[in-house]
Amino acid sequence: MHTRILDAAEMLLRRYGLPKLNVVDVSRHLNMSHGNVYRHFSSKTALRSAVVERWLGRVSEQTGAIAHKQGPADQRLIEWLRTLAAIKQRKVTDDAELLRAAVQVVRDTPAVQDHHADLLTRQLTGILADGKNDATLPRVDEPRRTAVAILDATTRFHHPDMVANGGAPEDQMHGLEAVIALILSAIGEAGAIARR
């Protein structure tokens, strides 16, 4: 039932926008009393937050699959950064209504974004720690601090507002490649850039 309610809420949010998303409309869509929805979500705010958390969770699932793969950490780092940027570009172009809702929900409930950002930071920290261990990223000093710095350095390629106003997707991805090369030259194996 929890999943059915979230599915209905997400569909209604995409169709009518965040201002129209409330418990009564979701319960009406599901043909149930609004009391049933309140059993799963204590308020309209909780329902909206849960929809956005699940939506952001789809991002971290995809990046998490890369973070936990086997293989050289430097290659996973590249794939992780490219994938995060590509996902955010798709969300800006293909899921604009939910993105607008997410911006508002995060403004009202910052913990939703904080949780997502922490999860991405932990994934990236794990990749960097692996790179320090497998010697593909030997110049990583403190993995978590380096992860935060890399996320800061690549913000324009994964922050929705910056992606939306950042020009053509192919130009953005070209810019990301330049930043990735700079990151790898700072923390990667000497001479590895020339072989890529």
C-alpha atoms as a PDB file:
ATOM      1  CA  MET A   1       0.000   0.000   0.000  1.00  0.00           C
ATOM      2  CA  HIS A   2       2.885   2.351   0.820  1.00  0.00           C
ATOM      3  CA  THR A   3       4.280   1.887  -2.700  1.00  0.00           C
ATOM      4  CA  ARG A   4       0.842   2.295  -4.317  1.00  0.00           C
ATOM      5  CA  ILE A   5       0.366   5.596  -2.508  1.00  0.00           C
ATOM      6  CA  LEU A   6       3.800   6.841  -3.600  1.00  0.00           C
ATOM      7  CA  ASP A   7       3.162   5.732  -7.195  1.00  0.00           C
ATOM      8  CA  ALA A   8      -0.146   7.616  -7.249  1.00  0.00           C
ATOM      9  CA  ALA A   9       1.362  10.704  -5.634  1.00  0.00           C
ATOM     10  CA  GLU A  10       4.249  10.754  -8.100  1.00  0.00           C
ATOM     11  CA  MET A  11       1.893  10.394 -11.058  1.00  0.00           C
ATOM     12  CA  LEU A  12      -0.359  13.187  -9.779  1.00  0.00           C
ATOM     13  CA  LEU A  13       2.631  15.403  -9.082  1.00  0.00           C
ATOM     14  CA  ARG A  14       3.898  14.948 -12.636  1.00  0.00           C
ATOM     15  CA  ARG A  15       0.448  15.648 -14.060  1.00  0.00           C
ATOM     16  CA  TYR A  16      -0.681  18.582 -11.899  1.00  0.00           C
ATOM     17  CA  GLY A  17       2.397  19.894 -10.103  1.00  0.00           C
ATOM     18  CA  LEU A  18       3.288  20.195  -6.438  1.00  0.00           C
ATOM     19  CA  PRO A  19       0.618  22.752  -5.444  1.00  0.00           C
ATOM     20  CA  LYS A  20      -2.095  20.257  -6.384  1.00  0.00           C
ATOM     21  CA  LEU A  21      -0.518  17.280  -4.617  1.00  0.00           C
ATOM     22  CA  ASN A  22      -2.339  16.595  -1.374  1.00  0.00           C
ATOM     23  CA  VAL A  23      -3.587  13.632   0.628  1.00  0.00           C
ATOM     24  CA  VAL A  24      -7.217  14.044  -0.455  1.00  0.00           C
ATOM     25  CA  ASP A  25      -6.370  13.917  -4.174  1.00  0.00           C
ATOM     26  CA  VAL A  26      -4.134  10.876  -3.712  1.00  0.00           C
ATOM     27  CA  SER A  27      -6.788   9.034  -1.702  1.00  0.00           C
ATOM     28  CA  ARG A  28      -9.462   9.955  -4.268  1.00  0.00           C
ATOM     29  CA  HIS A  29      -7.241   8.665  -7.086  1.00  0.00           C
ATOM     30  CA  LEU A  30      -6.763   5.371  -5.219  1.00  0.00           C
ATOM     31  CA  ASN A  31     -10.440   5.121  -4.289  1.00  0.00           C
ATOM     32  CA  MET A  32      -9.773   5.029  -0.556  1.00  0.00           C
ATOM     33  CA  SER A  33     -10.338   7.225   2.462  1.00  0.00           C
ATOM     34  CA  HIS A  34      -7.726   9.849   3.191  1.00  0.00           C
ATOM     35  CA  GLY A  35      -7.326   8.182   6.592  1.00  0.00           C
ATOM     36  CA  ASN A  36      -5.660   5.252   4.829  1.00  0.00           C
ATOM     37  CA  VAL A  37      -3.071   7.592   3.315  1.00  0.00           C
ATOM     38  CA  TYR A  38      -2.472   9.214   6.716  1.00  0.00           C
ATOM     39  CA  ARG A  39      -1.680   5.787   8.159  1.00  0.00           C
ATOM     40  CA  HIS A  40       1.379   5.723   5.894  1.00  0.00           C
ATOM     41  CA  PHE A  41       2.231   9.437   5.736  1.00  0.00           C
ATOM     42  CA  SER A  42       1.578  11.744   8.671  1.00  0.00           C
ATOM     43  CA  SER A  43       1.034  14.859   6.558  1.00  0.00           C
ATOM     44  CA  LYS A  44       1.054  16.359   3.094  1.00  0.00           C
ATOM     45  CA  THR A  45       4.648  17.438   3.721  1.00  0.00           C
ATOM     46  CA  ALA A  46       5.668  13.890   4.653  1.00  0.00           C
ATOM     47  CA  LEU A  47       4.018  12.541   1.499  1.00  0.00           C
ATOM     48  CA  ARG A  48       5.728  15.091  -0.733  1.00  0.00           C
ATOM     49  CA  SER A  49       9.095  14.456   0.927  1.00  0.00           C
ATOM     50  CA  ALA A  50       8.712  10.704   0.458  1.00  0.00           C
ATOM     51  CA  VAL A  51       7.991  11.136  -3.265  1.00  0.00           C
ATOM     52  CA  VAL A  52      11.112  13.273  -3.742  1.00  0.00           C
ATOM     53  CA  GLU A  53      13.266  10.975  -1.574  1.00  0.00           C
ATOM     54  CA  ARG A  54      12.260   7.994  -3.703  1.00  0.00           C
ATOM     55  CA  TRP A  55      12.958   9.972  -6.882  1.00  0.00           C
ATOM     56  CA  LEU A  56      16.419  10.968  -5.625  1.00  0.00           C
ATOM     57  CA  GLY A  57      16.938   7.387  -4.475  1.00  0.00           C
ATOM     58  CA  ARG A  58      16.782   6.260  -8.090  1.00  0.00           C
ATOM     59  CA  VAL A  59      19.845   8.425  -8.756  1.00  0.00           C
ATOM     60  CA  SER A  60      21.836   6.975  -5.870  1.00  0.00           C
ATOM     61  CA  GLU A  61      20.849   3.425  -6.866  1.00  0.00           C
ATOM     62  CA  GLN A  62      22.415   3.896 -10.298  1.00  0.00           C
ATOM     63  CA  THR A  63      25.542   5.573  -8.976  1.00  0.00           C
ATOM     64  CA  GLY A  64      25.715   3.039  -6.145  1.00  0.00           C
ATOM     65  CA  ALA A  65      25.830   0.175  -8.623  1.00  0.00           C
ATOM     66  CA  ILE A  66      28.955   1.758 -10.115  1.00  0.00           C
ATOM     67  CA  ALA A  67      30.501   2.488  -6.723  1.00  0.00           C
ATOM     68  CA  HIS A  68      30.187  -1.161  -5.694  1.00  0.00           C
ATOM     69  CA  LYS A  69      31.375  -2.717  -8.959  1.00  0.00           C
ATOM     70  CA  GLN A  70      34.577  -4.658  -9.206  1.00  0.00           C
ATOM     71  CA  GLY A  71      37.416  -3.207 -11.232  1.00  0.00           C
ATOM     72  CA  PRO A  72      39.941  -0.384 -11.133  1.00  0.00           C
ATOM     73  CA  ALA A  73      38.783   2.510  -8.982  1.00  0.00           C
ATOM     74  CA  ASP A  74      39.961   5.175 -11.415  1.00  0.00           C
ATOM     75  CA  GLN A  75      37.680   3.737 -14.108  1.00  0.00           C
ATOM     76  CA  ARG A  76      34.761   3.563 -11.660  1.00  0.00           C
ATOM     77  CA  LEU A  77      35.398   7.180 -10.682  1.00  0.00           C
ATOM     78  CA  ILE A  78      35.128   8.264 -14.312  1.00  0.00           C
ATOM     79  CA  GLU A  79      31.986   6.193 -14.888  1.00  0.00           C
ATOM     80  CA  TRP A  80      30.421   7.441 -11.644  1.00  0.00           C
ATOM     81  CA  LEU A  81      30.952  11.116 -12.516  1.00  0.00           C
ATOM     82  CA  ARG A  82      29.718  10.679 -16.099  1.00  0.00           C
ATOM     83  CA  THR A  83      26.651   8.748 -14.942  1.00  0.00           C
ATOM     84  CA  LEU A  84      25.709  11.304 -12.283  1.00  0.00           C
ATOM     85  CA  ALA A  85      25.918  14.112 -14.839  1.00  0.00           C
ATOM     86  CA  ALA A  86      23.912  12.170 -17.444  1.00  0.00           C
ATOM     87  CA  ILE A  87      21.179  11.318 -14.934  1.00  0.00           C
ATOM     88  CA  LYS A  88      20.847  14.945 -13.859  1.00  0.00           C
ATOM     89  CA  GLN A  89      20.656  16.077 -17.489  1.00  0.00           C
ATOM     90  CA  ARG A  90      17.859  13.582 -18.143  1.00  0.00           C
ATOM     91  CA  LYS A  91      15.970  14.785 -15.083  1.00  0.00           C
ATOM     92  CA  VAL A  92      16.205  18.397 -16.252  1.00  0.00           C
ATOM     93  CA  THR A  93      14.940  17.589 -19.751  1.00  0.00           C
ATOM     94  CA  ASP A  94      12.605  14.617 -19.203  1.00  0.00           C
ATOM     95  CA  ASP A  95      11.235  15.086 -15.694  1.00  0.00           C
ATOM     96  CA  ALA A  96      10.905  18.835 -15.293  1.00  0.00           C
ATOM     97  CA  GLU A  97       7.722  18.796 -13.185  1.00  0.00           C
ATOM     98  CA  LEU A  98       9.173  16.473 -10.590  1.00  0.00           C
ATOM     99  CA  LEU A  99      12.409  18.438 -10.615  1.00  0.00           C
ATOM    100  CA  ARG A 100      10.507  21.655  -9.858  1.00  0.00           C
ATOM    101  CA  ALA A 101       8.730  19.828  -7.038  1.00  0.00           C
ATOM    102  CA  ALA A 102      12.031  18.519  -5.696  1.00  0.00           C
ATOM    103  CA  VAL A 103      13.477  22.037  -5.563  1.00  0.00           C
ATOM    104  CA  GLN A 104      10.509  23.236  -3.510  1.00  0.00           C
ATOM    105  CA  VAL A 105      10.471  20.194  -1.206  1.00  0.00           C
ATOM    106  CA  VAL A 106      14.215  20.524  -0.562  1.00  0.00           C
ATOM    107  CA  ARG A 107      13.736  24.205   0.243  1.00  0.00           C
ATOM    108  CA  ASP A 108      11.016  23.295   2.776  1.00  0.00           C
ATOM    109  CA  THR A 109      12.671  20.098   4.063  1.00  0.00           C
ATOM    110  CA  PRO A 110      16.466  20.349   3.611  1.00  0.00           C
ATOM    111  CA  ALA A 111      17.020  16.944   5.236  1.00  0.00           C
ATOM    112  CA  VAL A 112      15.809  15.306   2.006  1.00  0.00           C
ATOM    113  CA  GLN A 113      18.713  16.797   0.019  1.00  0.00           C
ATOM    114  CA  ASP A 114      21.155  16.369   2.886  1.00  0.00           C
ATOM    115  CA  HIS A 115      20.499  12.623   2.957  1.00  0.00           C
ATOM    116  CA  HIS A 116      20.947  12.351  -0.831  1.00  0.00           C
ATOM    117  CA  ALA A 117      24.164  14.386  -0.795  1.00  0.00           C
ATOM    118  CA  ASP A 118      25.560  12.314   2.074  1.00  0.00           C
ATOM    119  CA  LEU A 119      24.816   9.086   0.225  1.00  0.00           C
ATOM    120  CA  LEU A 120      26.580  10.309  -2.924  1.00  0.00           C
ATOM    121  CA  THR A 121      29.541  11.492  -0.837  1.00  0.00           C
ATOM    122  CA  ARG A 122      29.834   8.086   0.835  1.00  0.00           C
ATOM    123  CA  GLN A 123      29.759   6.320  -2.544  1.00  0.00           C
ATOM    124  CA  LEU A 124      32.467   8.554  -3.925  1.00  0.00           C
ATOM    125  CA  THR A 125      34.517   8.218  -0.738  1.00  0.00           C
ATOM    126  CA  GLY A 126      34.422   4.443  -1.158  1.00  0.00           C
ATOM    127  CA  ILE A 127      35.652   4.647  -4.735  1.00  0.00           C
ATOM    128  CA  LEU A 128      38.502   6.948  -3.703  1.00  0.00           C
ATOM    129  CA  ALA A 129      39.497   4.691  -0.800  1.00  0.00           C
ATOM    130  CA  ASP A 130      39.544   1.753  -3.229  1.00  0.00           C
ATOM    131  CA  GLY A 131      41.721   3.797  -5.572  1.00  0.00           C
ATOM    132  CA  LYS A 132      44.177   4.499  -2.812  1.00  0.00           C
ATOM    133  CA  ASN A 133      44.311   0.752  -2.063  1.00  0.00           C
ATOM    134  CA  ASP A 134      44.538  -0.501  -5.657  1.00  0.00           C
ATOM    135  CA  ALA A 135      47.054   2.248  -6.574  1.00  0.00           C
ATOM    136  CA  THR A 136      44.944   3.616  -9.436  1.00  0.00           C
ATOM    137  CA  LEU A 137      44.350   6.803  -7.412  1.00  0.00           C
ATOM    138  CA  PRO A 138      47.535   6.848  -5.339  1.00  0.00           C
ATOM    139  CA  ARG A 139      47.536  10.563  -4.551  1.00  0.00           C
ATOM    140  CA  VAL A 140      44.245  10.498  -2.655  1.00  0.00           C
ATOM    141  CA  ASP A 141      45.143  11.701   0.817  1.00  0.00           C
ATOM    142  CA  GLU A 142      41.855  11.716   2.750  1.00  0.00           C
ATOM    143  CA  PRO A 143      39.096   9.980   0.723  1.00  0.00           C
ATOM    144  CA  ARG A 144      36.111  11.793   2.263  1.00  0.00           C
ATOM    145  CA  ARG A 145      37.683  15.241   2.012  1.00  0.00           C
ATOM    146  CA  THR A 146      38.697  14.488  -1.585  1.00  0.00           C
ATOM    147  CA  ALA A 147      35.159  13.259  -2.364  1.00  0.00           C
ATOM    148  CA  VAL A 148      33.671  16.527  -1.108  1.00  0.00           C
ATOM    149  CA  ALA A 149      36.191  18.498  -3.177  1.00  0.00           C
ATOM    150  CA  ILE A 150      35.364  16.484  -6.318  1.00  0.00           C
ATOM    151  CA  LEU A 151      31.624  17.000  -5.810  1.00  0.00           C
ATOM    152  CA  ASP A 152      32.248  20.719  -5.341  1.00  0.00           C
ATOM    153  CA  ALA A 153      34.426  20.829  -8.478  1.00  0.00           C
ATOM    154  CA  THR A 154      31.761  19.081 -10.561  1.00  0.00           C
ATOM    155  CA  THR A 155      28.693  20.859  -9.133  1.00  0.00           C
ATOM    156  CA  ARG A 156      27.836  22.599 -12.403  1.00  0.00           C
ATOM    157  CA  PHE A 157      27.428  19.188 -14.054  1.00  0.00           C
ATOM    158  CA  HIS A 158      25.030  17.706 -11.488  1.00  0.00           C
ATOM    159  CA  HIS A 159      23.251  20.591  -9.755  1.00  0.00           C
ATOM    160  CA  PRO A 160      19.811  20.778 -11.445  1.00  0.00           C
ATOM    161  CA  ASP A 161      19.682  24.589 -11.725  1.00  0.00           C
ATOM    162  CA  MET A 162      23.178  24.755 -13.198  1.00  0.00           C
ATOM    163  CA  VAL A 163      22.481  21.879 -15.577  1.00  0.00           C
ATOM    164  CA  ALA A 164      19.238  23.524 -16.700  1.00  0.00           C
ATOM    165  CA  ASN A 165      21.075  26.770 -17.489  1.00  0.00           C
ATOM    166  CA  GLY A 166      24.398  25.270 -18.539  1.00  0.00           C
ATOM    167  CA  GLY A 167      23.914  25.083 -22.286  1.00  0.00           C
ATOM    168  CA  ALA A 168      23.734  22.133 -24.642  1.00  0.00           C
ATOM    169  CA  PRO A 169      24.156  18.711 -22.979  1.00  0.00           C
ATOM    170  CA  GLU A 170      27.029  17.763 -25.295  1.00  0.00           C
ATOM    171  CA  ASP A 171      28.879  20.964 -24.354  1.00  0.00           C
ATOM    172  CA  GLN A 172      28.339  20.235 -20.681  1.00  0.00           C
ATOM    173  CA  MET A 173      29.638  16.688 -21.056  1.00  0.00           C
ATOM    174  CA  HIS A 174      32.674  18.015 -22.936  1.00  0.00           C
ATOM    175  CA  GLY A 175      33.316  20.365 -20.020  1.00  0.00           C
ATOM    176  CA  LEU A 176      32.925  17.497 -17.564  1.00  0.00           C
ATOM    177  CA  GLU A 177      35.559  15.489 -19.415  1.00  0.00           C
ATOM    178  CA  ALA A 178      38.023  18.360 -18.967  1.00  0.00           C
ATOM    179  CA  VAL A 179      37.295  18.482 -15.224  1.00  0.00           C
ATOM    180  CA  ILE A 180      37.634  14.687 -14.937  1.00  0.00           C
ATOM    181  CA  ALA A 181      41.030  14.878 -16.645  1.00  0.00           C
ATOM    182  CA  LEU A 182      42.079  17.585 -14.180  1.00  0.00           C
ATOM    183  CA  ILE A 183      40.903  15.485 -11.206  1.00  0.00           C
ATOM    184  CA  LEU A 184      42.760  12.423 -12.461  1.00  0.00           C
ATOM    185  CA  SER A 185      45.923  14.424 -13.057  1.00  0.00           C
ATOM    186  CA  ALA A 186      45.765  15.520  -9.411  1.00  0.00           C
ATOM    187  CA  ILE A 187      44.981  12.174  -7.734  1.00  0.00           C
ATOM    188  CA  GLY A 188      45.589   9.502 -10.376  1.00  0.00           C
ATOM    189  CA  GLU A 189      48.482   7.348 -11.375  1.00  0.00           C
ATOM    190  CA  ALA A 190      51.221   9.328 -13.123  1.00  0.00           C
ATOM    191  CA  GLY A 191      51.036   8.846 -16.886  1.00  0.00           C
ATOM    192  CA  ALA A 192      47.597   7.224 -16.769  1.00  0.00           C
ATOM    193  CA  ILE A 193      45.885  10.188 -18.419  1.00  0.00           C
ATOM    194  CA  ALA A 194      47.896   9.772 -21.592  1.00  0.00           C
ATOM    195  CA  ARG A 195      46.772   6.147 -21.867  1.00  0.00           C
ATOM    196  CA  ARG A 196      43.015   6.955 -21.654  1.00  0.00           C
END
